[in-house]
Amino acid sequence: MELHVTRWKRYGHDRLYVNLSDGTAVGWADAKTGDIVVLRTDYRDDVIAVLTQHLQSFTEPVPPDRAPETKARPVLPPLTPADDLAVNPPGRSLRELLDKSGPGLVERAVTRLLRRPTEWDSWQKGLAGERRVGAELNRLSRHGWHVLHSIPLADKVDVDHLLIGPGGVFSINTKHHDKRASNARNLWIGAGRNAEGVPSR
């Protein structure tokens, strides 16, 4: 009996097919795993024998001088208490920015006396808003939720709040609305990733 073995590689597969002289498929083998599938039981022994012989040519030992070198796995630096995101208070990023670049004590006093708006007013409102929203989110801990605040990302941006719990993971961005919009309730829900590159729902 004459069996023809043909190798087939496509779509990530590497297989050996066994056909009769008339083209009838009687079995095949996975060249990667060595698994053999017999399609015609009456040719079982012959299929296994010919496929085993061909598979052995794929499992020859690699000479030591051609063996791939083992790459050392990168080692991550040890974590420190400063890396613990759970201790970040709401609005931490804004608070640090105001402390570093915001107006000084004298400038704040003068602008308050003269009632002049400054570019930092919106940051102060944003800080107050993040703290208020953070306090509300922290109350969800009794229901099995955990929340992280002020998660720093690249390019000096951050995620205001990350809510993790039984319903999934939610990225929450706090926004301030003036008094005219105080009665409005806006809820944005989207699949995929938000502007900061964090998955959101």
C-alpha atoms as a PDB file:
ATOM      1  CA  MET A   1       0.000   0.000   0.000  1.00  0.00           C
ATOM      2  CA  GLU A   2       1.312   3.396  -0.980  1.00  0.00           C
ATOM      3  CA  LEU A   3       0.614   6.336   1.322  1.00  0.00           C
ATOM      4  CA  HIS A   4       1.506   9.893   0.435  1.00  0.00           C
ATOM      5  CA  VAL A   5       2.480  12.352   3.192  1.00  0.00           C
ATOM      6  CA  THR A   6       2.050  16.049   2.512  1.00  0.00           C
ATOM      7  CA  ARG A   7       3.050  18.851   4.840  1.00  0.00           C
ATOM      8  CA  TRP A   8       0.562  21.733   5.222  1.00  0.00           C
ATOM      9  CA  LYS A   9       1.398  25.020   6.981  1.00  0.00           C
ATOM     10  CA  ARG A  10      -1.183  27.765   7.134  1.00  0.00           C
ATOM     11  CA  TYR A  11      -3.002  30.008   9.641  1.00  0.00           C
ATOM     12  CA  GLY A  12      -0.526  29.092  12.372  1.00  0.00           C
ATOM     13  CA  HIS A  13      -0.963  25.334  11.858  1.00  0.00           C
ATOM     14  CA  ASP A  14       1.737  22.838  10.871  1.00  0.00           C
ATOM     15  CA  ARG A  15       0.295  19.466   9.856  1.00  0.00           C
ATOM     16  CA  LEU A  16       1.182  16.292   7.986  1.00  0.00           C
ATOM     17  CA  TYR A  17      -1.634  14.811   5.917  1.00  0.00           C
ATOM     18  CA  VAL A  18      -1.684  11.171   4.772  1.00  0.00           C
ATOM     19  CA  ASN A  19      -3.538  10.347   1.561  1.00  0.00           C
ATOM     20  CA  LEU A  20      -4.065   7.248  -0.513  1.00  0.00           C
ATOM     21  CA  SER A  21      -2.829   7.190  -4.102  1.00  0.00           C
ATOM     22  CA  ASP A  22      -6.288   8.306  -5.258  1.00  0.00           C
ATOM     23  CA  GLY A  23      -6.150  11.378  -2.961  1.00  0.00           C
ATOM     24  CA  THR A  24      -8.407  10.029  -0.196  1.00  0.00           C
ATOM     25  CA  ALA A  25      -7.381  11.428   3.192  1.00  0.00           C
ATOM     26  CA  VAL A  26      -6.828   8.725   5.794  1.00  0.00           C
ATOM     27  CA  GLY A  27      -5.188  10.684   8.622  1.00  0.00           C
ATOM     28  CA  TRP A  28      -3.126  13.620   9.722  1.00  0.00           C
ATOM     29  CA  ALA A  29      -0.750  14.701  12.485  1.00  0.00           C
ATOM     30  CA  ASP A  30       0.035  17.974  14.243  1.00  0.00           C
ATOM     31  CA  ALA A  31       3.746  18.598  13.669  1.00  0.00           C
ATOM     32  CA  LYS A  32       3.943  20.831  16.754  1.00  0.00           C
ATOM     33  CA  THR A  33       2.297  18.541  19.312  1.00  0.00           C
ATOM     34  CA  GLY A  34       2.770  15.144  17.667  1.00  0.00           C
ATOM     35  CA  ASP A  35      -0.940  14.310  17.965  1.00  0.00           C
ATOM     36  CA  ILE A  36      -2.143  11.854  15.304  1.00  0.00           C
ATOM     37  CA  VAL A  37      -5.715  11.706  13.986  1.00  0.00           C
ATOM     38  CA  VAL A  38      -6.820   8.608  12.033  1.00  0.00           C
ATOM     39  CA  LEU A  39      -9.654   9.251   9.592  1.00  0.00           C
ATOM     40  CA  ARG A  40     -10.001   5.703   8.267  1.00  0.00           C
ATOM     41  CA  THR A  41      -9.758   2.986  10.926  1.00  0.00           C
ATOM     42  CA  ASP A  42      -8.999   0.304   8.348  1.00  0.00           C
ATOM     43  CA  TYR A  43      -5.691   2.093   7.645  1.00  0.00           C
ATOM     44  CA  ARG A  44      -4.981   2.884  11.313  1.00  0.00           C
ATOM     45  CA  ASP A  45      -1.706   0.967  11.762  1.00  0.00           C
ATOM     46  CA  ASP A  46      -0.251   2.161   8.460  1.00  0.00           C
ATOM     47  CA  VAL A  47      -1.215   5.791   9.134  1.00  0.00           C
ATOM     48  CA  ILE A  48       0.339   5.749  12.607  1.00  0.00           C
ATOM     49  CA  ALA A  49       3.516   4.108  11.341  1.00  0.00           C
ATOM     50  CA  VAL A  50       4.126   6.533   8.477  1.00  0.00           C
ATOM     51  CA  LEU A  51       3.255   9.610  10.515  1.00  0.00           C
ATOM     52  CA  THR A  52       5.429   8.522  13.438  1.00  0.00           C
ATOM     53  CA  GLN A  53       8.339   8.092  11.052  1.00  0.00           C
ATOM     54  CA  HIS A  54       7.871  11.582   9.609  1.00  0.00           C
ATOM     55  CA  LEU A  55       7.333  13.201  13.013  1.00  0.00           C
ATOM     56  CA  GLN A  56      10.651  11.863  14.264  1.00  0.00           C
ATOM     57  CA  SER A  57      12.445  14.018  11.710  1.00  0.00           C
ATOM     58  CA  PHE A  58      10.932  17.093  13.395  1.00  0.00           C
ATOM     59  CA  THR A  59      12.099  16.150  16.874  1.00  0.00           C
ATOM     60  CA  GLU A  60      15.831  15.770  16.270  1.00  0.00           C
ATOM     61  CA  PRO A  61      17.902  17.242  19.119  1.00  0.00           C
ATOM     62  CA  VAL A  62      19.427  20.632  18.463  1.00  0.00           C
ATOM     63  CA  PRO A  63      23.241  20.682  18.591  1.00  0.00           C
ATOM     64  CA  PRO A  64      24.599  22.538  21.673  1.00  0.00           C
ATOM     65  CA  ASP A  65      26.283  25.166  19.511  1.00  0.00           C
ATOM     66  CA  ARG A  66      22.935  25.973  17.839  1.00  0.00           C
ATOM     67  CA  ALA A  67      20.748  25.862  20.931  1.00  0.00           C
ATOM     68  CA  PRO A  68      19.034  29.193  21.641  1.00  0.00           C
ATOM     69  CA  GLU A  69      20.505  31.129  24.526  1.00  0.00           C
ATOM     70  CA  THR A  70      18.383  31.477  27.633  1.00  0.00           C
ATOM     71  CA  LYS A  71      17.510  35.114  28.130  1.00  0.00           C
ATOM     72  CA  ALA A  72      17.575  36.459  31.636  1.00  0.00           C
ATOM     73  CA  ARG A  73      14.150  37.562  32.826  1.00  0.00           C
ATOM     74  CA  PRO A  74      13.991  41.255  33.699  1.00  0.00           C
ATOM     75  CA  VAL A  75      13.744  41.971  37.387  1.00  0.00           C
ATOM     76  CA  LEU A  76      11.334  44.669  38.526  1.00  0.00           C
ATOM     77  CA  PRO A  77      12.526  47.078  41.212  1.00  0.00           C
ATOM     78  CA  PRO A  78      11.101  46.437  44.681  1.00  0.00           C
ATOM     79  CA  LEU A  79       7.964  48.336  45.604  1.00  0.00           C
ATOM     80  CA  THR A  80       8.114  51.011  48.289  1.00  0.00           C
ATOM     81  CA  PRO A  81       5.354  52.546  50.445  1.00  0.00           C
ATOM     82  CA  ALA A  82       5.349  55.506  48.029  1.00  0.00           C
ATOM     83  CA  ASP A  83       4.207  53.147  45.240  1.00  0.00           C
ATOM     84  CA  ASP A  84       1.037  52.155  47.101  1.00  0.00           C
ATOM     85  CA  LEU A  85      -1.841  53.770  45.177  1.00  0.00           C
ATOM     86  CA  ALA A  86      -4.341  52.846  47.895  1.00  0.00           C
ATOM     87  CA  VAL A  87      -3.070  55.632  50.155  1.00  0.00           C
ATOM     88  CA  ASN A  88      -3.575  58.410  47.589  1.00  0.00           C
ATOM     89  CA  PRO A  89      -6.248  60.856  48.828  1.00  0.00           C
ATOM     90  CA  PRO A  90      -8.766  62.282  46.357  1.00  0.00           C
ATOM     91  CA  GLY A  91      -7.347  65.272  44.484  1.00  0.00           C
ATOM     92  CA  ARG A  92      -3.738  64.503  45.380  1.00  0.00           C
ATOM     93  CA  SER A  93      -2.408  65.444  41.924  1.00  0.00           C
ATOM     94  CA  LEU A  94      -4.201  68.810  41.955  1.00  0.00           C
ATOM     95  CA  ARG A  95      -3.096  69.492  45.511  1.00  0.00           C
ATOM     96  CA  GLU A  96       0.552  68.857  44.599  1.00  0.00           C
ATOM     97  CA  LEU A  97       0.236  71.036  41.504  1.00  0.00           C
ATOM     98  CA  LEU A  98      -1.264  73.904  43.498  1.00  0.00           C
ATOM     99  CA  ASP A  99       1.423  73.602  46.171  1.00  0.00           C
ATOM    100  CA  LYS A 100       4.149  73.637  43.551  1.00  0.00           C
ATOM    101  CA  SER A 101       2.911  76.157  40.997  1.00  0.00           C
ATOM    102  CA  GLY A 102      -0.084  77.901  42.564  1.00  0.00           C
ATOM    103  CA  PRO A 103      -0.249  81.453  43.912  1.00  0.00           C
ATOM    104  CA  GLY A 104       1.500  82.279  47.168  1.00  0.00           C
ATOM    105  CA  LEU A 105      -0.171  83.315  50.413  1.00  0.00           C
ATOM    106  CA  VAL A 106       0.118  87.061  49.718  1.00  0.00           C
ATOM    107  CA  GLU A 107      -1.201  86.727  46.151  1.00  0.00           C
ATOM    108  CA  ARG A 108      -4.150  84.660  47.348  1.00  0.00           C
ATOM    109  CA  ALA A 109      -4.981  87.244  50.012  1.00  0.00           C
ATOM    110  CA  VAL A 110      -4.842  90.150  47.534  1.00  0.00           C
ATOM    111  CA  THR A 111      -7.007  88.420  44.946  1.00  0.00           C
ATOM    112  CA  ARG A 112      -9.586  87.563  47.591  1.00  0.00           C
ATOM    113  CA  LEU A 113      -9.710  91.159  48.860  1.00  0.00           C
ATOM    114  CA  LEU A 114     -10.075  92.500  45.337  1.00  0.00           C
ATOM    115  CA  ARG A 115     -12.359  89.618  44.341  1.00  0.00           C
ATOM    116  CA  ARG A 116     -10.350  89.007  41.222  1.00  0.00           C
ATOM    117  CA  PRO A 117     -10.694  85.604  39.564  1.00  0.00           C
ATOM    118  CA  THR A 118      -7.429  83.787  38.878  1.00  0.00           C
ATOM    119  CA  GLU A 119      -6.451  80.887  36.670  1.00  0.00           C
ATOM    120  CA  TRP A 120      -6.096  78.772  39.812  1.00  0.00           C
ATOM    121  CA  ASP A 121      -9.742  79.148  40.829  1.00  0.00           C
ATOM    122  CA  SER A 122     -10.824  76.345  38.509  1.00  0.00           C
ATOM    123  CA  TRP A 123      -8.123  74.115  39.997  1.00  0.00           C
ATOM    124  CA  GLN A 124      -9.368  74.862  43.491  1.00  0.00           C
ATOM    125  CA  LYS A 125     -12.906  74.001  42.422  1.00  0.00           C
ATOM    126  CA  GLY A 126     -11.626  70.842  40.759  1.00  0.00           C
ATOM    127  CA  LEU A 127      -9.808  69.859  43.952  1.00  0.00           C
ATOM    128  CA  ALA A 128     -12.949  70.404  46.020  1.00  0.00           C
ATOM    129  CA  GLY A 129     -14.960  68.388  43.508  1.00  0.00           C
ATOM    130  CA  GLU A 130     -12.540  65.448  43.512  1.00  0.00           C
ATOM    131  CA  ARG A 131     -12.574  65.377  47.300  1.00  0.00           C
ATOM    132  CA  ARG A 132     -16.360  65.414  47.415  1.00  0.00           C
ATOM    133  CA  VAL A 133     -16.733  62.697  44.783  1.00  0.00           C
ATOM    134  CA  GLY A 134     -13.986  60.669  46.452  1.00  0.00           C
ATOM    135  CA  ALA A 135     -15.780  60.801  49.780  1.00  0.00           C
ATOM    136  CA  GLU A 136     -18.974  59.536  48.147  1.00  0.00           C
ATOM    137  CA  LEU A 137     -17.155  56.719  46.367  1.00  0.00           C
ATOM    138  CA  ASN A 138     -15.392  55.648  49.566  1.00  0.00           C
ATOM    139  CA  ARG A 139     -18.817  54.953  51.079  1.00  0.00           C
ATOM    140  CA  LEU A 140     -19.226  52.096  48.591  1.00  0.00           C
ATOM    141  CA  SER A 141     -16.598  50.042  50.433  1.00  0.00           C
ATOM    142  CA  ARG A 142     -19.329  48.595  52.652  1.00  0.00           C
ATOM    143  CA  HIS A 143     -20.857  47.067  49.517  1.00  0.00           C
ATOM    144  CA  GLY A 144     -17.715  45.290  48.353  1.00  0.00           C
ATOM    145  CA  TRP A 145     -16.231  48.075  46.230  1.00  0.00           C
ATOM    146  CA  HIS A 146     -12.703  49.459  46.376  1.00  0.00           C
ATOM    147  CA  VAL A 147     -11.670  52.847  45.020  1.00  0.00           C
ATOM    148  CA  LEU A 148      -8.292  54.319  44.093  1.00  0.00           C
ATOM    149  CA  HIS A 149      -7.763  58.066  43.721  1.00  0.00           C
ATOM    150  CA  SER A 150      -5.344  60.242  41.723  1.00  0.00           C
ATOM    151  CA  ILE A 151      -3.657  57.461  39.761  1.00  0.00           C
ATOM    152  CA  PRO A 152      -0.674  59.029  37.949  1.00  0.00           C
ATOM    153  CA  LEU A 153      -0.129  58.247  34.272  1.00  0.00           C
ATOM    154  CA  ALA A 154       2.352  59.424  31.668  1.00  0.00           C
ATOM    155  CA  ASP A 155       2.516  62.998  30.373  1.00  0.00           C
ATOM    156  CA  LYS A 156       1.475  64.479  33.741  1.00  0.00           C
ATOM    157  CA  VAL A 157      -2.117  63.235  33.553  1.00  0.00           C
ATOM    158  CA  ASP A 158      -3.980  61.126  36.060  1.00  0.00           C
ATOM    159  CA  VAL A 159      -7.162  59.156  36.614  1.00  0.00           C
ATOM    160  CA  ASP A 160      -9.313  60.943  39.180  1.00  0.00           C
ATOM    161  CA  HIS A 161     -10.934  57.785  40.568  1.00  0.00           C
ATOM    162  CA  LEU A 162     -10.842  54.070  39.712  1.00  0.00           C
ATOM    163  CA  LEU A 163     -13.780  52.106  41.108  1.00  0.00           C
ATOM    164  CA  ILE A 164     -13.292  48.328  41.380  1.00  0.00           C
ATOM    165  CA  GLY A 165     -15.975  45.954  42.549  1.00  0.00           C
ATOM    166  CA  PRO A 166     -18.602  43.311  41.783  1.00  0.00           C
ATOM    167  CA  GLY A 167     -19.906  45.257  38.779  1.00  0.00           C
ATOM    168  CA  GLY A 168     -16.531  45.686  37.075  1.00  0.00           C
ATOM    169  CA  VAL A 169     -13.901  48.418  36.837  1.00  0.00           C
ATOM    170  CA  PHE A 170     -14.914  52.046  36.225  1.00  0.00           C
ATOM    171  CA  SER A 171     -12.726  55.053  35.503  1.00  0.00           C
ATOM    172  CA  ILE A 172     -14.384  58.202  36.886  1.00  0.00           C
ATOM    173  CA  ASN A 173     -13.413  61.727  35.897  1.00  0.00           C
ATOM    174  CA  THR A 174     -14.713  64.568  38.089  1.00  0.00           C
ATOM    175  CA  LYS A 175     -15.917  67.726  36.330  1.00  0.00           C
ATOM    176  CA  HIS A 176     -17.139  71.023  37.811  1.00  0.00           C
ATOM    177  CA  HIS A 177     -20.341  72.685  36.582  1.00  0.00           C
ATOM    178  CA  ASP A 178     -21.386  76.233  37.423  1.00  0.00           C
ATOM    179  CA  LYS A 179     -24.575  77.066  39.329  1.00  0.00           C
ATOM    180  CA  ARG A 180     -26.626  77.243  36.148  1.00  0.00           C
ATOM    181  CA  ALA A 181     -25.935  73.571  35.555  1.00  0.00           C
ATOM    182  CA  SER A 182     -26.237  72.496  39.191  1.00  0.00           C
ATOM    183  CA  ASN A 183     -29.580  70.796  38.553  1.00  0.00           C
ATOM    184  CA  ALA A 184     -28.248  68.813  35.596  1.00  0.00           C
ATOM    185  CA  ARG A 185     -27.175  65.225  36.005  1.00  0.00           C
ATOM    186  CA  ASN A 186     -24.795  63.938  33.370  1.00  0.00           C
ATOM    187  CA  LEU A 187     -23.631  60.335  33.104  1.00  0.00           C
ATOM    188  CA  TRP A 188     -21.193  59.339  30.389  1.00  0.00           C
ATOM    189  CA  ILE A 189     -20.879  55.624  29.703  1.00  0.00           C
ATOM    190  CA  GLY A 190     -18.567  54.282  27.034  1.00  0.00           C
ATOM    191  CA  ALA A 191     -16.827  51.034  26.232  1.00  0.00           C
ATOM    192  CA  GLY A 192     -13.122  50.805  25.522  1.00  0.00           C
ATOM    193  CA  ARG A 193     -10.548  53.327  26.708  1.00  0.00           C
ATOM    194  CA  ASN A 194     -10.880  56.902  27.816  1.00  0.00           C
ATOM    195  CA  ALA A 195      -8.599  59.817  26.967  1.00  0.00           C
ATOM    196  CA  GLU A 196      -6.065  58.725  29.560  1.00  0.00           C
ATOM    197  CA  GLY A 197      -5.831  55.275  27.974  1.00  0.00           C
ATOM    198  CA  VAL A 198      -7.587  53.539  30.863  1.00  0.00           C
ATOM    199  CA  PRO A 199     -10.404  51.071  30.165  1.00  0.00           C
ATOM    200  CA  SER A 200     -13.725  52.646  31.088  1.00  0.00           C
ATOM    201  CA  ARG A 201     -17.406  51.820  31.037  1.00  0.00           C
END
